[in-house]
Structures are given as C-alpha cells and as structure tokens.
Amino acid sequence: MSSAYDHVKKGSLKFKGGDSTSIKKKKKKSKSSKEKLEHAVREEKQVIQAVEKTEAQRKFEETQRRRQMERVSKAAMKSHKDRVQEFNQKLEQLSEHHDIPKVGPG
C-alpha cells in the first residue's frame, strides 16, 4: 500500500519564474568610506559657518537673544508658590463645564 504523501517533493521551496539560485547580497560600506563622508560633511559645515551674516540677520538674532533672556528672567522671578496661586486663580475663573466630574460614592 502506498502512502498519500509519496508524491510530495522533499527539500527547500523554489521561487517561480527562473532558476536563480544565487541571491546577491548587498556589499557593506567599509568604515573608511564612512569616515571620508563624515570628514566631508564637517568641512562643508566649516565653509557654511564662514559666510558673513547680513545686518538684518544680526539684528534679528540679537532681538531673539534679548527676548529669550527676558523670558528666562521673568520665569526665574516667580517662586513655585506664586505659580501655584496663579494656576489656581486661572482654574477658578473657568466655568464648571471644565470641572472634573466626581465618580463613585461619596
């Protein structure tokens, strides 16, 4: 008596459409090429930094720095207690629609 599995092929599965048994793998880049690329990027950054800024750009950056310093000094003046009080006042002014509903007994 022959088994129901006698006609089954054994071995690895094959892809349709050709007998391309050799799969080509991508070559990995050597570290030396990566180092060359990083060095080139560093050089480009140095060239970019050497470009002079216009008067408007300098004024804009100075204004940005000044505003940032004002924000930092304003935040440093308030204590934690002051911030909490201010936040509580803000919450009191909101309508009850924004309140967290009580869930459960009590």
PDB file of N, CA and C in Angstrom:
ATOM      1  N   MET A   1       0.820  -1.159   0.000  1.00  0.00           N
ATOM      2  CA  MET A   1       0.000   0.000   0.000  1.00  0.00           C
ATOM      3  C   MET A   1       0.882   1.246   0.000  1.00  0.00           C
ATOM      4  N   SER A   2       0.577   2.224  -0.856  1.00  0.00           N
ATOM      5  CA  SER A   2       1.397   3.425  -0.932  1.00  0.00           C
ATOM      6  C   SER A   2       0.791   4.516  -0.057  1.00  0.00           C
ATOM      7  N   SER A   3       1.659   5.314   0.485  1.00  0.00           N
ATOM      8  CA  SER A   3       1.226   6.384   1.363  1.00  0.00           C
ATOM      9  C   SER A   3       0.670   7.547   0.539  1.00  0.00           C
ATOM     10  N   ALA A   4      -0.148   8.377   1.143  1.00  0.00           N
ATOM     11  CA  ALA A   4      -0.732   9.536   0.456  1.00  0.00           C
ATOM     12  C   ALA A   4       0.314  10.611   0.211  1.00  0.00           C
ATOM     13  N   TYR A   5       1.470  10.522   0.873  1.00  0.00           N
ATOM     14  CA  TYR A   5       2.496  11.559   0.765  1.00  0.00           C
ATOM     15  C   TYR A   5       3.697  11.115  -0.060  1.00  0.00           C
ATOM     16  N   ASP A   6       3.577  10.067  -0.847  1.00  0.00           N
ATOM     17  CA  ASP A   6       4.707   9.580  -1.647  1.00  0.00           C
ATOM     18  C   ASP A   6       5.066  10.539  -2.778  1.00  0.00           C
ATOM     19  N   HIS A   7       4.123  11.271  -3.328  1.00  0.00           N
ATOM     20  CA  HIS A   7       4.369  12.146  -4.475  1.00  0.00           C
ATOM     21  C   HIS A   7       4.905  13.528  -4.059  1.00  0.00           C
ATOM     22  N   VAL A   8       5.013  13.817  -2.770  1.00  0.00           N
ATOM     23  CA  VAL A   8       5.449  15.126  -2.288  1.00  0.00           C
ATOM     24  C   VAL A   8       6.939  15.282  -2.489  1.00  0.00           C
ATOM     25  N   LYS A   9       7.338  16.471  -3.022  1.00  0.00           N
ATOM     26  CA  LYS A   9       8.765  16.764  -3.198  1.00  0.00           C
ATOM     27  C   LYS A   9       9.372  17.132  -1.865  1.00  0.00           C
ATOM     28  N   LYS A  10      10.554  16.669  -1.649  1.00  0.00           N
ATOM     29  CA  LYS A  10      11.262  16.986  -0.416  1.00  0.00           C
ATOM     30  C   LYS A  10      12.349  18.003  -0.729  1.00  0.00           C
ATOM     31  N   GLY A  11      12.700  18.792   0.247  1.00  0.00           N
ATOM     32  CA  GLY A  11      13.754  19.780   0.050  1.00  0.00           C
ATOM     33  C   GLY A  11      13.215  21.187   0.201  1.00  0.00           C
ATOM     34  N   SER A  12      14.063  22.174  -0.094  1.00  0.00           N
ATOM     35  CA  SER A  12      13.670  23.569   0.084  1.00  0.00           C
ATOM     36  C   SER A  12      12.713  24.014  -1.006  1.00  0.00           C
ATOM     37  N   LEU A  13      11.920  25.009  -0.699  1.00  0.00           N
ATOM     38  CA  LEU A  13      10.958  25.549  -1.658  1.00  0.00           C
ATOM     39  C   LEU A  13      11.684  26.379  -2.701  1.00  0.00           C
ATOM     40  N   LYS A  14      11.143  26.427  -3.902  1.00  0.00           N
ATOM     41  CA  LYS A  14      11.749  27.180  -5.002  1.00  0.00           C
ATOM     42  C   LYS A  14      10.820  28.303  -5.414  1.00  0.00           C
ATOM     43  N   PHE A  15      11.394  29.419  -5.842  1.00  0.00           N
ATOM     44  CA  PHE A  15      10.605  30.530  -6.352  1.00  0.00           C
ATOM     45  C   PHE A  15      10.187  30.248  -7.777  1.00  0.00           C
ATOM     46  N   LYS A  16       9.034  30.789  -8.179  1.00  0.00           N
ATOM     47  CA  LYS A  16       8.572  30.636  -9.550  1.00  0.00           C
ATOM     48  C   LYS A  16       9.377  31.537 -10.472  1.00  0.00           C
ATOM     49  N   GLY A  17       9.404  31.213 -11.734  1.00  0.00           N
ATOM     50  CA  GLY A  17       9.957  32.099 -12.746  1.00  0.00           C
ATOM     51  C   GLY A  17      11.459  32.128 -12.804  1.00  0.00           C
ATOM     52  N   GLY A  18      12.070  31.028 -12.949  1.00  0.00           N
ATOM     53  CA  GLY A  18      13.512  31.045 -13.149  1.00  0.00           C
ATOM     54  C   GLY A  18      14.235  30.250 -12.090  1.00  0.00           C
ATOM     55  N   ASP A  19      15.443  29.968 -12.423  1.00  0.00           N
ATOM     56  CA  ASP A  19      16.258  29.156 -11.521  1.00  0.00           C
ATOM     57  C   ASP A  19      17.409  30.007 -11.009  1.00  0.00           C
ATOM     58  N   SER A  20      17.071  31.102 -10.354  1.00  0.00           N
ATOM     59  CA  SER A  20      18.107  31.996  -9.833  1.00  0.00           C
ATOM     60  C   SER A  20      18.458  31.544  -8.416  1.00  0.00           C
ATOM     61  N   THR A  21      19.339  30.588  -8.330  1.00  0.00           N
ATOM     62  CA  THR A  21      19.711  30.043  -7.031  1.00  0.00           C
ATOM     63  C   THR A  21      20.650  30.970  -6.278  1.00  0.00           C
ATOM     64  N   SER A  22      21.370  31.813  -7.015  1.00  0.00           N
ATOM     65  CA  SER A  22      22.320  32.699  -6.343  1.00  0.00           C
ATOM     66  C   SER A  22      21.649  34.036  -6.043  1.00  0.00           C
ATOM     67  N   ILE A  23      21.485  34.330  -4.783  1.00  0.00           N
ATOM     68  CA  ILE A  23      20.922  35.611  -4.360  1.00  0.00           C
ATOM     69  C   ILE A  23      22.084  36.530  -4.041  1.00  0.00           C
ATOM     70  N   LYS A  24      22.090  37.677  -4.690  1.00  0.00           N
ATOM     71  CA  LYS A  24      23.193  38.607  -4.485  1.00  0.00           C
ATOM     72  C   LYS A  24      22.934  39.442  -3.249  1.00  0.00           C
ATOM     73  N   LYS A  25      23.890  39.500  -2.365  1.00  0.00           N
ATOM     74  CA  LYS A  25      23.780  40.300  -1.159  1.00  0.00           C
ATOM     75  C   LYS A  25      24.413  41.657  -1.392  1.00  0.00           C
ATOM     76  N   LYS A  26      23.870  42.661  -0.721  1.00  0.00           N
ATOM     77  CA  LYS A  26      24.443  43.998  -0.833  1.00  0.00           C
ATOM     78  C   LYS A  26      25.772  44.035  -0.103  1.00  0.00           C
ATOM     79  N   LYS A  27      26.704  44.737  -0.691  1.00  0.00           N
ATOM     80  CA  LYS A  27      28.004  44.883  -0.050  1.00  0.00           C
ATOM     81  C   LYS A  27      27.913  45.967   1.012  1.00  0.00           C
ATOM     82  N   LYS A  28      28.521  45.701   2.138  1.00  0.00           N
ATOM     83  CA  LYS A  28      28.548  46.690   3.209  1.00  0.00           C
ATOM     84  C   LYS A  28      29.639  47.698   2.926  1.00  0.00           C
ATOM     85  N   LYS A  29      29.351  48.959   3.251  1.00  0.00           N
ATOM     86  CA  LYS A  29      30.352  50.001   3.062  1.00  0.00           C
ATOM     87  C   LYS A  29      31.417  49.863   4.133  1.00  0.00           C
ATOM     88  N   SER A  30      32.622  50.086   3.719  1.00  0.00           N
ATOM     89  CA  SER A  30      33.702  49.986   4.685  1.00  0.00           C
ATOM     90  C   SER A  30      33.709  51.217   5.585  1.00  0.00           C
ATOM     91  N   LYS A  31      34.295  51.090   6.734  1.00  0.00           N
ATOM     92  CA  LYS A  31      34.331  52.204   7.678  1.00  0.00           C
ATOM     93  C   LYS A  31      35.130  53.374   7.120  1.00  0.00           C
ATOM     94  N   SER A  32      36.091  53.077   6.296  1.00  0.00           N
ATOM     95  CA  SER A  32      36.901  54.166   5.757  1.00  0.00           C
ATOM     96  C   SER A  32      36.055  55.101   4.878  1.00  0.00           C
ATOM     97  N   SER A  33      35.106  54.553   4.138  1.00  0.00           N
ATOM     98  CA  SER A  33      34.256  55.415   3.320  1.00  0.00           C
ATOM     99  C   SER A  33      33.326  56.243   4.206  1.00  0.00           C
ATOM    100  N   LYS A  34      32.868  55.657   5.332  1.00  0.00           N
ATOM    101  CA  LYS A  34      32.034  56.410   6.263  1.00  0.00           C
ATOM    102  C   LYS A  34      32.824  57.567   6.868  1.00  0.00           C
ATOM    103  N   GLU A  35      34.075  57.287   7.214  1.00  0.00           N
ATOM    104  CA  GLU A  35      34.914  58.334   7.787  1.00  0.00           C
ATOM    105  C   GLU A  35      35.152  59.449   6.777  1.00  0.00           C
ATOM    106  N   LYS A  36      35.344  59.084   5.515  1.00  0.00           N
ATOM    107  CA  LYS A  36      35.538  60.093   4.474  1.00  0.00           C
ATOM    108  C   LYS A  36      34.293  60.961   4.337  1.00  0.00           C
ATOM    109  N   LEU A  37      33.125  60.322   4.394  1.00  0.00           N
ATOM    110  CA  LEU A  37      31.873  61.056   4.279  1.00  0.00           C
ATOM    111  C   LEU A  37      31.700  62.016   5.448  1.00  0.00           C
ATOM    112  N   GLU A  38      31.969  61.554   6.671  1.00  0.00           N
ATOM    113  CA  GLU A  38      31.863  62.419   7.846  1.00  0.00           C
ATOM    114  C   GLU A  38      32.829  63.587   7.758  1.00  0.00           C
ATOM    115  N   HIS A  39      34.023  63.337   7.285  1.00  0.00           N
ATOM    116  CA  HIS A  39      35.018  64.397   7.157  1.00  0.00           C
ATOM    117  C   HIS A  39      34.544  65.442   6.145  1.00  0.00           C
ATOM    118  N   ALA A  40      33.958  64.991   5.042  1.00  0.00           N
ATOM    119  CA  ALA A  40      33.457  65.916   4.026  1.00  0.00           C
ATOM    120  C   ALA A  40      32.324  66.773   4.595  1.00  0.00           C
ATOM    121  N   VAL A  41      31.454  66.170   5.393  1.00  0.00           N
ATOM    122  CA  VAL A  41      30.343  66.915   5.998  1.00  0.00           C
ATOM    123  C   VAL A  41      30.882  67.972   6.950  1.00  0.00           C
ATOM    124  N   ARG A  42      31.893  67.609   7.744  1.00  0.00           N
ATOM    125  CA  ARG A  42      32.491  68.576   8.677  1.00  0.00           C
ATOM    126  C   ARG A  42      33.084  69.768   7.916  1.00  0.00           C
ATOM    127  N   GLU A  43      33.760  69.485   6.809  1.00  0.00           N
ATOM    128  CA  GLU A  43      34.362  70.560   6.018  1.00  0.00           C
ATOM    129  C   GLU A  43      33.287  71.487   5.469  1.00  0.00           C
ATOM    130  N   GLU A  44      32.160  70.915   5.006  1.00  0.00           N
ATOM    131  CA  GLU A  44      31.077  71.735   4.469  1.00  0.00           C
ATOM    132  C   GLU A  44      30.503  72.635   5.553  1.00  0.00           C
ATOM    133  N   LYS A  45      30.372  72.118   6.760  1.00  0.00           N
ATOM    134  CA  LYS A  45      29.850  72.924   7.863  1.00  0.00           C
ATOM    135  C   LYS A  45      30.780  74.088   8.160  1.00  0.00           C
ATOM    136  N   GLN A  46      32.084  73.844   8.103  1.00  0.00           N
ATOM    137  CA  GLN A  46      33.047  74.916   8.359  1.00  0.00           C
ATOM    138  C   GLN A  46      32.948  75.992   7.291  1.00  0.00           C
ATOM    139  N   VAL A  47      32.737  75.597   6.051  1.00  0.00           N
ATOM    140  CA  VAL A  47      32.611  76.558   4.959  1.00  0.00           C
ATOM    141  C   VAL A  47      31.342  77.382   5.157  1.00  0.00           C
ATOM    142  N   ILE A  48      30.253  76.732   5.560  1.00  0.00           N
ATOM    143  CA  ILE A  48      28.989  77.425   5.760  1.00  0.00           C
ATOM    144  C   ILE A  48      29.111  78.436   6.895  1.00  0.00           C
ATOM    145  N   GLN A  49      29.818  78.096   7.964  1.00  0.00           N
ATOM    146  CA  GLN A  49      29.961  78.982   9.104  1.00  0.00           C
ATOM    147  C   GLN A  49      30.792  80.215   8.762  1.00  0.00           C
ATOM    148  N   ALA A  50      31.636  80.121   7.764  1.00  0.00           N
ATOM    149  CA  ALA A  50      32.500  81.232   7.394  1.00  0.00           C
ATOM    150  C   ALA A  50      31.738  82.343   6.665  1.00  0.00           C
ATOM    151  N   VAL A  51      30.516  82.092   6.220  1.00  0.00           N
ATOM    152  CA  VAL A  51      29.726  83.073   5.491  1.00  0.00           C
ATOM    153  C   VAL A  51      29.309  84.192   6.451  1.00  0.00           C
ATOM    154  N   GLU A  52      29.506  85.437   6.022  1.00  0.00           N
ATOM    155  CA  GLU A  52      29.151  86.587   6.838  1.00  0.00           C
ATOM    156  C   GLU A  52      27.639  86.766   6.861  1.00  0.00           C
ATOM    157  N   LYS A  53      27.115  87.214   7.997  1.00  0.00           N
ATOM    158  CA  LYS A  53      25.681  87.465   8.138  1.00  0.00           C
ATOM    159  C   LYS A  53      25.391  88.917   7.790  1.00  0.00           C
ATOM    160  N   THR A  54      24.173  89.124   7.298  1.00  0.00           N
ATOM    161  CA  THR A  54      23.780  90.483   6.953  1.00  0.00           C
ATOM    162  C   THR A  54      23.406  91.237   8.226  1.00  0.00           C
ATOM    163  N   GLU A  55      23.264  92.528   8.099  1.00  0.00           N
ATOM    164  CA  GLU A  55      22.910  93.371   9.244  1.00  0.00           C
ATOM    165  C   GLU A  55      21.552  92.967   9.817  1.00  0.00           C
ATOM    166  N   ALA A  56      20.602  92.683   8.936  1.00  0.00           N
ATOM    167  CA  ALA A  56      19.265  92.291   9.389  1.00  0.00           C
ATOM    168  C   ALA A  56      19.315  90.966  10.155  1.00  0.00           C
ATOM    169  N   GLN A  57      20.137  90.027   9.685  1.00  0.00           N
ATOM    170  CA  GLN A  57      20.263  88.741  10.381  1.00  0.00           C
ATOM    171  C   GLN A  57      20.857  88.935  11.775  1.00  0.00           C
ATOM    172  N   ARG A  58      21.872  89.781  11.868  1.00  0.00           N
ATOM    173  CA  ARG A  58      22.495  90.032  13.174  1.00  0.00           C
ATOM    174  C   ARG A  58      21.504  90.679  14.142  1.00  0.00           C
ATOM    175  N   LYS A  59      20.731  91.668  13.648  1.00  0.00           N
ATOM    176  CA  LYS A  59      19.734  92.326  14.495  1.00  0.00           C
ATOM    177  C   LYS A  59      18.667  91.344  14.949  1.00  0.00           C
ATOM    178  N   PHE A  60      18.222  90.484  14.025  1.00  0.00           N
ATOM    179  CA  PHE A  60      17.203  89.504  14.352  1.00  0.00           C
ATOM    180  C   PHE A  60      17.682  88.550  15.452  1.00  0.00           C
ATOM    181  N   GLU A  61      18.911  88.043  15.315  1.00  0.00           N
ATOM    182  CA  GLU A  61      19.456  87.130  16.319  1.00  0.00           C
ATOM    183  C   GLU A  61      19.632  87.821  17.672  1.00  0.00           C
ATOM    184  N   GLU A  62      20.058  89.068  17.651  1.00  0.00           N
ATOM    185  CA  GLU A  62      20.214  89.816  18.897  1.00  0.00           C
ATOM    186  C   GLU A  62      18.859  90.014  19.585  1.00  0.00           C
ATOM    187  N   THR A  63      17.840  90.342  18.801  1.00  0.00           N
ATOM    188  CA  THR A  63      16.496  90.504  19.356  1.00  0.00           C
ATOM    189  C   THR A  63      15.999  89.187  19.939  1.00  0.00           C
ATOM    190  N   GLN A  64      16.243  88.087  19.240  1.00  0.00           N
ATOM    191  CA  GLN A  64      15.844  86.772  19.744  1.00  0.00           C
ATOM    192  C   GLN A  64      16.523  86.479  21.073  1.00  0.00           C
ATOM    193  N   ARG A  65      17.822  86.742  21.158  1.00  0.00           N
ATOM    194  CA  ARG A  65      18.575  86.502  22.402  1.00  0.00           C
ATOM    195  C   ARG A  65      18.018  87.349  23.542  1.00  0.00           C
ATOM    196  N   ARG A  66      17.738  88.618  23.250  1.00  0.00           N
ATOM    197  CA  ARG A  66      17.224  89.528  24.268  1.00  0.00           C
ATOM    198  C   ARG A  66      15.865  89.048  24.785  1.00  0.00           C
ATOM    199  N   ARG A  67      14.975  88.655  23.871  1.00  0.00           N
ATOM    200  CA  ARG A  67      13.657  88.166  24.279  1.00  0.00           C
ATOM    201  C   ARG A  67      13.764  86.884  25.090  1.00  0.00           C
ATOM    202  N   GLN A  68      14.677  86.010  24.708  1.00  0.00           N
ATOM    203  CA  GLN A  68      14.886  84.772  25.449  1.00  0.00           C
ATOM    204  C   GLN A  68      15.365  85.075  26.872  1.00  0.00           C
ATOM    205  N   MET A  69      16.277  86.020  27.001  1.00  0.00           N
ATOM    206  CA  MET A  69      16.776  86.388  28.326  1.00  0.00           C
ATOM    207  C   MET A  69      15.650  86.979  29.185  1.00  0.00           C
ATOM    208  N   GLU A  70      14.776  87.795  28.569  1.00  0.00           N
ATOM    209  CA  GLU A  70      13.644  88.361  29.301  1.00  0.00           C
ATOM    210  C   GLU A  70      12.718  87.262  29.804  1.00  0.00           C
ATOM    211  N   ARG A  71      12.431  86.264  28.962  1.00  0.00           N
ATOM    212  CA  ARG A  71      11.565  85.156  29.366  1.00  0.00           C
ATOM    213  C   ARG A  71      12.179  84.377  30.517  1.00  0.00           C
ATOM    214  N   VAL A  72      13.471  84.137  30.443  1.00  0.00           N
ATOM    215  CA  VAL A  72      14.151  83.374  31.489  1.00  0.00           C
ATOM    216  C   VAL A  72      14.148  84.139  32.801  1.00  0.00           C
ATOM    217  N   SER A  73      14.443  85.432  32.739  1.00  0.00           N
ATOM    218  CA  SER A  73      14.468  86.221  33.974  1.00  0.00           C
ATOM    219  C   SER A  73      13.065  86.347  34.570  1.00  0.00           C
ATOM    220  N   LYS A  74      12.053  86.461  33.726  1.00  0.00           N
ATOM    221  CA  LYS A  74      10.680  86.556  34.218  1.00  0.00           C
ATOM    222  C   LYS A  74      10.262  85.252  34.894  1.00  0.00           C
ATOM    223  N   ALA A  75      10.643  84.126  34.322  1.00  0.00           N
ATOM    224  CA  ALA A  75      10.304  82.828  34.916  1.00  0.00           C
ATOM    225  C   ALA A  75      11.076  82.599  36.204  1.00  0.00           C
ATOM    226  N   ALA A  76      12.283  83.116  36.291  1.00  0.00           N
ATOM    227  CA  ALA A  76      13.099  82.909  37.486  1.00  0.00           C
ATOM    228  C   ALA A  76      12.603  83.760  38.654  1.00  0.00           C
ATOM    229  N   MET A  77      11.900  84.846  38.370  1.00  0.00           N
ATOM    230  CA  MET A  77      11.424  85.730  39.433  1.00  0.00           C
ATOM    231  C   MET A  77      10.291  85.094  40.233  1.00  0.00           C
ATOM    232  N   LYS A  78       9.470  84.249  39.605  1.00  0.00           N
ATOM    233  CA  LYS A  78       8.332  83.652  40.287  1.00  0.00           C
ATOM    234  C   LYS A  78       8.773  82.412  41.056  1.00  0.00           C
ATOM    235  N   SER A  79       8.242  82.305  42.276  1.00  0.00           N
ATOM    236  CA  SER A  79       8.517  81.099  43.057  1.00  0.00           C
ATOM    237  C   SER A  79       7.459  80.053  42.716  1.00  0.00           C
ATOM    238  N   HIS A  80       7.661  78.855  43.198  1.00  0.00           N
ATOM    239  CA  HIS A  80       6.701  77.785  42.950  1.00  0.00           C
ATOM    240  C   HIS A  80       5.341  78.127  43.554  1.00  0.00           C
ATOM    241  N   LYS A  81       5.379  78.721  44.723  1.00  0.00           N
ATOM    242  CA  LYS A  81       4.135  79.104  45.414  1.00  0.00           C
ATOM    243  C   LYS A  81       3.335  80.099  44.568  1.00  0.00           C
ATOM    244  N   ASP A  82       4.027  81.081  43.981  1.00  0.00           N
ATOM    245  CA  ASP A  82       3.362  82.069  43.134  1.00  0.00           C
ATOM    246  C   ASP A  82       2.737  81.410  41.908  1.00  0.00           C
ATOM    247  N   ARG A  83       3.467  80.482  41.306  1.00  0.00           N
ATOM    248  CA  ARG A  83       2.948  79.794  40.124  1.00  0.00           C
ATOM    249  C   ARG A  83       1.698  79.001  40.472  1.00  0.00           C
ATOM    250  N   VAL A  84       1.702  78.311  41.614  1.00  0.00           N
ATOM    251  CA  VAL A  84       0.545  77.518  42.029  1.00  0.00           C
ATOM    252  C   VAL A  84      -0.651  78.430  42.274  1.00  0.00           C
ATOM    253  N   GLN A  85      -0.438  79.563  42.941  1.00  0.00           N
ATOM    254  CA  GLN A  85      -1.535  80.504  43.182  1.00  0.00           C
ATOM    255  C   GLN A  85      -2.118  81.018  41.866  1.00  0.00           C
ATOM    256  N   GLU A  86      -1.262  81.365  40.949  1.00  0.00           N
ATOM    257  CA  GLU A  86      -1.703  81.876  39.658  1.00  0.00           C
ATOM    258  C   GLU A  86      -2.527  80.814  38.912  1.00  0.00           C
ATOM    259  N   PHE A  87      -2.062  79.577  38.982  1.00  0.00           N
ATOM    260  CA  PHE A  87      -2.765  78.478  38.315  1.00  0.00           C
ATOM    261  C   PHE A  87      -4.136  78.248  38.948  1.00  0.00           C
ATOM    262  N   ASN A  88      -4.204  78.296  40.279  1.00  0.00           N
ATOM    263  CA  ASN A  88      -5.480  78.111  40.974  1.00  0.00           C
ATOM    264  C   ASN A  88      -6.469  79.214  40.622  1.00  0.00           C
ATOM    265  N   GLN A  89      -5.996  80.457  40.522  1.00  0.00           N
ATOM    266  CA  GLN A  89      -6.874  81.559  40.135  1.00  0.00           C
ATOM    267  C   GLN A  89      -7.421  81.338  38.726  1.00  0.00           C
ATOM    268  N   LYS A  90      -6.573  80.855  37.841  1.00  0.00           N
ATOM    269  CA  LYS A  90      -6.997  80.588  36.470  1.00  0.00           C
ATOM    270  C   LYS A  90      -8.078  79.513  36.452  1.00  0.00           C
ATOM    271  N   LEU A  91      -7.903  78.463  37.252  1.00  0.00           N
ATOM    272  CA  LEU A  91      -8.901  77.399  37.308  1.00  0.00           C
ATOM    273  C   LEU A  91     -10.222  77.889  37.893  1.00  0.00           C
ATOM    274  N   GLU A  92     -10.164  78.794  38.892  1.00  0.00           N
ATOM    275  CA  GLU A  92     -11.383  79.319  39.495  1.00  0.00           C
ATOM    276  C   GLU A  92     -12.195  80.125  38.493  1.00  0.00           C
ATOM    277  N   GLN A  93     -11.544  80.782  37.565  1.00  0.00           N
ATOM    278  CA  GLN A  93     -12.239  81.615  36.591  1.00  0.00           C
ATOM    279  C   GLN A  93     -12.919  80.791  35.496  1.00  0.00           C
ATOM    280  N   LEU A  94     -12.531  79.533  35.334  1.00  0.00           N
ATOM    281  CA  LEU A  94     -13.142  78.701  34.299  1.00  0.00           C
ATOM    282  C   LEU A  94     -14.551  78.304  34.723  1.00  0.00           C
ATOM    283  N   SER A  95     -15.398  77.997  33.734  1.00  0.00           N
ATOM    284  CA  SER A  95     -16.760  77.586  34.049  1.00  0.00           C
ATOM    285  C   SER A  95     -16.756  76.158  34.597  1.00  0.00           C
ATOM    286  N   GLU A  96     -17.905  75.741  35.163  1.00  0.00           N
ATOM    287  CA  GLU A  96     -17.995  74.413  35.747  1.00  0.00           C
ATOM    288  C   GLU A  96     -17.951  73.327  34.691  1.00  0.00           C
ATOM    289  N   HIS A  97     -18.142  73.707  33.453  1.00  0.00           N
ATOM    290  CA  HIS A  97     -18.082  72.754  32.348  1.00  0.00           C
ATOM    291  C   HIS A  97     -16.725  72.047  32.319  1.00  0.00           C
ATOM    292  N   HIS A  98     -15.691  72.745  32.746  1.00  0.00           N
ATOM    293  CA  HIS A  98     -14.337  72.190  32.702  1.00  0.00           C
ATOM    294  C   HIS A  98     -13.984  71.395  33.949  1.00  0.00           C
ATOM    295  N   ASP A  99     -14.879  71.358  34.953  1.00  0.00           N
ATOM    296  CA  ASP A  99     -14.583  70.626  36.188  1.00  0.00           C
ATOM    297  C   ASP A  99     -14.529  69.137  35.925  1.00  0.00           C
ATOM    298  N   ILE A 100     -13.759  68.451  36.752  1.00  0.00           N
ATOM    299  CA  ILE A 100     -13.674  67.002  36.659  1.00  0.00           C
ATOM    300  C   ILE A 100     -14.870  66.419  37.404  1.00  0.00           C
ATOM    301  N   PRO A 101     -15.694  65.599  36.754  1.00  0.00           N
ATOM    302  CA  PRO A 101     -16.877  65.065  37.439  1.00  0.00           C
ATOM    303  C   PRO A 101     -16.478  64.037  38.489  1.00  0.00           C
ATOM    304  N   LYS A 102     -17.252  63.998  39.573  1.00  0.00           N
ATOM    305  CA  LYS A 102     -16.997  63.022  40.630  1.00  0.00           C
ATOM    306  C   LYS A 102     -17.532  61.675  40.190  1.00  0.00           C
ATOM    307  N   VAL A 103     -16.755  60.653  40.426  1.00  0.00           N
ATOM    308  CA  VAL A 103     -17.158  59.301  40.037  1.00  0.00           C
ATOM    309  C   VAL A 103     -17.173  58.450  41.275  1.00  0.00           C
ATOM    310  N   GLY A 104     -18.234  57.715  41.479  1.00  0.00           N
ATOM    311  CA  GLY A 104     -18.320  56.792  42.597  1.00  0.00           C
ATOM    312  C   GLY A 104     -19.031  57.400  43.788  1.00  0.00           C
ATOM    313  N   PRO A 105     -19.169  56.612  44.825  1.00  0.00           N
ATOM    314  CA  PRO A 105     -19.872  57.089  46.018  1.00  0.00           C
ATOM    315  C   PRO A 105     -19.064  58.115  46.789  1.00  0.00           C
ATOM    316  N   GLY A 106     -19.764  59.048  47.387  1.00  0.00           N
ATOM    317  CA  GLY A 106     -19.119  59.997  48.285  1.00  0.00           C
ATOM    318  C   GLY A 106     -18.733  61.231  47.654  1.00  0.00           C
TER     319      GLY A 106
END
